[in-house]
Amino acid sequence: MPLYRYPAAATAADYARGLGGIALTAGPFFLLAPSGPLAWILAACMLLFLVYFVRAVVRHLTRIELSEAGIAALGPFGRAIPWDELRSMKLNYFTTRSDRSGGWMQLDLGTGQRALSVDSRLEGFAEVAGAAAQQARRRGCHLDETTLSNLKALGVRGDD
């Protein structure tokens, strides 16, 4: 049963952004002791950066396991999707540049009651997406044109 994880380099940038944001908002909040709307704005921004940082920690601690029975996210807030309960698969590409040269993919799997999302920074992402596509085809899940196109971009056949 292969285990996949997010590389340290991918999560290190998230850690830095989260901690930087917390420092930039907590510094003025605690050192200047603002009042009124500015205090609320700084507190809200600090909370958002804290949530971002916690999500980075959770992602770093999460391992994705593929097996004959299904796919599982092992770690904090872990969950599993048994292949025989798989009802939906979506593979989206999110671009960060207007020329579509930068960005990431996100694989969303669902059963109707549970969902599991994995992003393309995961080591072995193409293998995970390929296994999910194979299982989705076996179960007769409809794969939309966007998902098929993104699978093709990964080098995975999704139209068997």
Protein backbone atom coordinates (compact mmCIF):
# COMPACT_ATOMS: atom_id res chain seq x y z
CA MET A 1 0.00 0.00 0.00
CA PRO A 2 1.78 3.12 -1.19
CA LEU A 3 1.88 6.17 1.07
CA TYR A 4 2.14 9.65 -0.41
CA ARG A 5 2.96 12.85 1.41
CA TYR A 6 3.35 16.54 0.81
CA PRO A 7 7.04 17.45 0.46
CA ALA A 8 8.61 19.72 3.05
CA ALA A 9 9.40 22.36 0.41
CA ALA A 10 5.71 22.70 -0.49
CA THR A 11 4.59 23.13 3.10
CA ALA A 12 7.57 25.31 4.10
CA ALA A 13 6.31 28.11 1.86
CA ASP A 14 2.86 27.83 3.45
CA TYR A 15 4.42 27.92 6.92
CA ALA A 16 6.37 31.05 6.00
CA ARG A 17 3.30 32.80 4.56
CA GLY A 18 1.20 31.90 7.60
CA LEU A 19 3.78 32.96 10.15
CA GLY A 20 4.61 36.12 8.19
CA GLY A 21 0.95 37.09 8.07
CA ILE A 22 0.51 36.41 11.78
CA ALA A 23 3.58 38.53 12.57
CA LEU A 24 2.43 41.39 10.35
CA THR A 25 -0.99 41.50 11.98
CA ALA A 26 -0.18 40.47 15.56
CA GLY A 27 2.70 42.95 15.83
CA PRO A 28 0.59 46.07 15.34
CA PHE A 29 -2.31 44.52 17.26
CA PHE A 30 -0.29 43.86 20.42
CA LEU A 31 2.32 46.63 20.22
CA LEU A 32 0.10 49.54 19.18
CA ALA A 33 -3.08 48.40 21.00
CA PRO A 34 -5.45 49.87 18.39
CA SER A 35 -9.10 50.35 19.17
CA GLY A 36 -12.31 50.33 17.23
CA PRO A 37 -12.52 49.06 13.66
CA LEU A 38 -8.74 48.81 13.19
CA ALA A 39 -8.50 46.39 16.13
CA TRP A 40 -11.26 44.23 14.63
CA ILE A 41 -9.64 44.25 11.20
CA LEU A 42 -6.23 43.28 12.58
CA ALA A 43 -7.78 40.57 14.77
CA ALA A 44 -9.73 39.14 11.82
CA CYS A 45 -6.63 39.12 9.60
CA MET A 46 -4.59 37.51 12.37
CA LEU A 47 -7.23 34.80 12.74
CA LEU A 48 -7.26 34.15 8.99
CA PHE A 49 -3.48 33.77 8.91
CA LEU A 50 -3.66 31.48 11.94
CA VAL A 51 -6.20 29.26 10.16
CA TYR A 52 -3.95 29.25 7.07
CA PHE A 53 -0.97 28.21 9.22
CA VAL A 54 -2.94 25.42 10.94
CA ARG A 55 -4.07 24.11 7.54
CA ALA A 56 -0.42 24.01 6.45
CA VAL A 57 0.47 21.99 9.56
CA VAL A 58 -2.41 19.57 8.94
CA ARG A 59 -1.38 19.16 5.29
CA HIS A 60 2.24 18.52 6.31
CA LEU A 61 1.18 15.81 8.79
CA THR A 62 -1.26 14.12 6.39
CA ARG A 63 -0.33 11.01 4.41
CA ILE A 64 -2.42 9.67 1.54
CA GLU A 65 -2.71 5.90 1.35
CA LEU A 66 -3.95 3.98 -1.68
CA SER A 67 -5.15 0.41 -1.27
CA GLU A 68 -7.36 -2.11 -3.01
CA ALA A 69 -10.15 -1.06 -0.64
CA GLY A 70 -9.94 2.71 -1.14
CA ILE A 71 -8.07 5.90 -0.51
CA ALA A 72 -7.40 7.33 2.93
CA ALA A 73 -5.97 10.52 4.36
CA LEU A 74 -4.03 9.50 7.46
CA GLY A 75 -3.31 12.16 10.04
CA PRO A 76 -5.21 14.97 11.73
CA PHE A 77 -8.78 15.15 10.46
CA GLY A 78 -8.17 11.98 8.44
CA ARG A 79 -10.88 10.35 6.41
CA ALA A 80 -11.27 7.49 4.00
CA ILE A 81 -13.19 6.86 0.81
CA PRO A 82 -13.83 3.17 0.10
CA TRP A 83 -13.71 2.58 -3.66
CA ASP A 84 -17.07 0.79 -3.60
CA GLU A 85 -18.70 3.97 -2.20
CA LEU A 86 -17.04 6.38 -4.67
CA ARG A 87 -19.76 8.45 -6.39
CA SER A 88 -17.93 11.48 -7.77
CA MET A 89 -14.53 12.56 -9.01
CA LYS A 90 -13.50 16.03 -10.11
CA LEU A 91 -10.04 17.20 -11.14
CA ASN A 92 -9.73 20.98 -11.41
CA TYR A 93 -6.85 23.21 -12.43
CA PHE A 94 -6.45 26.57 -10.73
CA THR A 95 -4.18 29.01 -12.50
CA THR A 96 -2.17 31.76 -10.87
CA ARG A 97 -1.19 33.55 -14.10
CA SER A 98 -3.10 34.86 -17.05
CA ASP A 99 -1.04 32.71 -19.45
CA ARG A 100 -2.02 29.59 -17.42
CA SER A 101 1.66 28.74 -16.86
CA GLY A 102 1.45 28.57 -13.08
CA GLY A 103 -1.05 26.91 -10.81
CA TRP A 104 -2.09 23.66 -9.20
CA MET A 105 -4.59 20.86 -9.58
CA GLN A 106 -7.06 19.67 -6.99
CA LEU A 107 -8.59 16.20 -6.94
CA ASP A 108 -11.98 15.98 -5.21
CA LEU A 109 -13.48 12.57 -4.44
CA GLY A 110 -16.87 12.04 -2.84
CA THR A 111 -19.28 9.41 -1.63
CA GLY A 112 -22.31 11.59 -1.05
CA GLN A 113 -21.66 11.75 2.70
CA ARG A 114 -17.86 12.15 2.76
CA ALA A 115 -15.36 14.01 0.63
CA LEU A 116 -11.60 13.96 0.24
CA SER A 117 -9.48 16.59 -1.50
CA VAL A 118 -5.85 16.29 -2.55
CA ASP A 119 -3.80 18.96 -4.31
CA SER A 120 -1.08 18.47 -6.88
CA ARG A 121 1.77 19.34 -4.53
CA LEU A 122 1.40 15.80 -3.18
CA GLU A 123 4.31 13.57 -4.20
CA GLY A 124 2.89 11.01 -6.64
CA PHE A 125 -0.19 13.09 -7.39
CA ALA A 126 -0.50 11.71 -10.95
CA GLU A 127 -0.51 8.14 -9.58
CA VAL A 128 -3.22 9.02 -7.06
CA ALA A 129 -5.33 10.75 -9.73
CA GLY A 130 -4.82 7.80 -12.08
CA ALA A 131 -5.94 5.28 -9.47
CA ALA A 132 -8.98 7.40 -8.62
CA ALA A 133 -9.89 7.75 -12.32
CA GLN A 134 -9.61 4.00 -12.81
CA GLN A 135 -11.89 3.35 -9.84
CA ALA A 136 -14.35 6.05 -10.93
CA ARG A 137 -14.61 4.43 -14.39
CA ARG A 138 -15.18 1.01 -12.82
CA ARG A 139 -18.06 2.42 -10.81
CA GLY A 140 -19.61 4.30 -13.72
CA CYS A 141 -18.96 7.78 -12.31
CA HIS A 142 -19.42 10.54 -14.84
CA LEU A 143 -16.16 12.39 -15.51
CA ASP A 144 -16.81 15.82 -16.96
CA GLU A 145 -14.80 17.36 -19.80
CA THR A 146 -12.70 19.46 -17.42
CA THR A 147 -11.69 16.39 -15.42
CA LEU A 148 -10.90 14.40 -18.59
CA SER A 149 -8.81 17.26 -19.96
CA ASN A 150 -6.88 17.62 -16.71
CA LEU A 151 -6.30 13.85 -16.50
CA LYS A 152 -4.89 14.00 -20.03
CA ALA A 153 -2.58 16.85 -18.99
CA LEU A 154 -1.28 14.60 -16.19
CA GLY A 155 -0.71 11.77 -18.66
CA VAL A 156 -3.58 9.72 -17.27
CA ARG A 157 -6.23 8.17 -19.49
CA GLY A 158 -9.68 8.99 -18.20
CA ASP A 159 -11.87 8.05 -21.16
CA ASP A 160 -11.63 4.24 -21.31
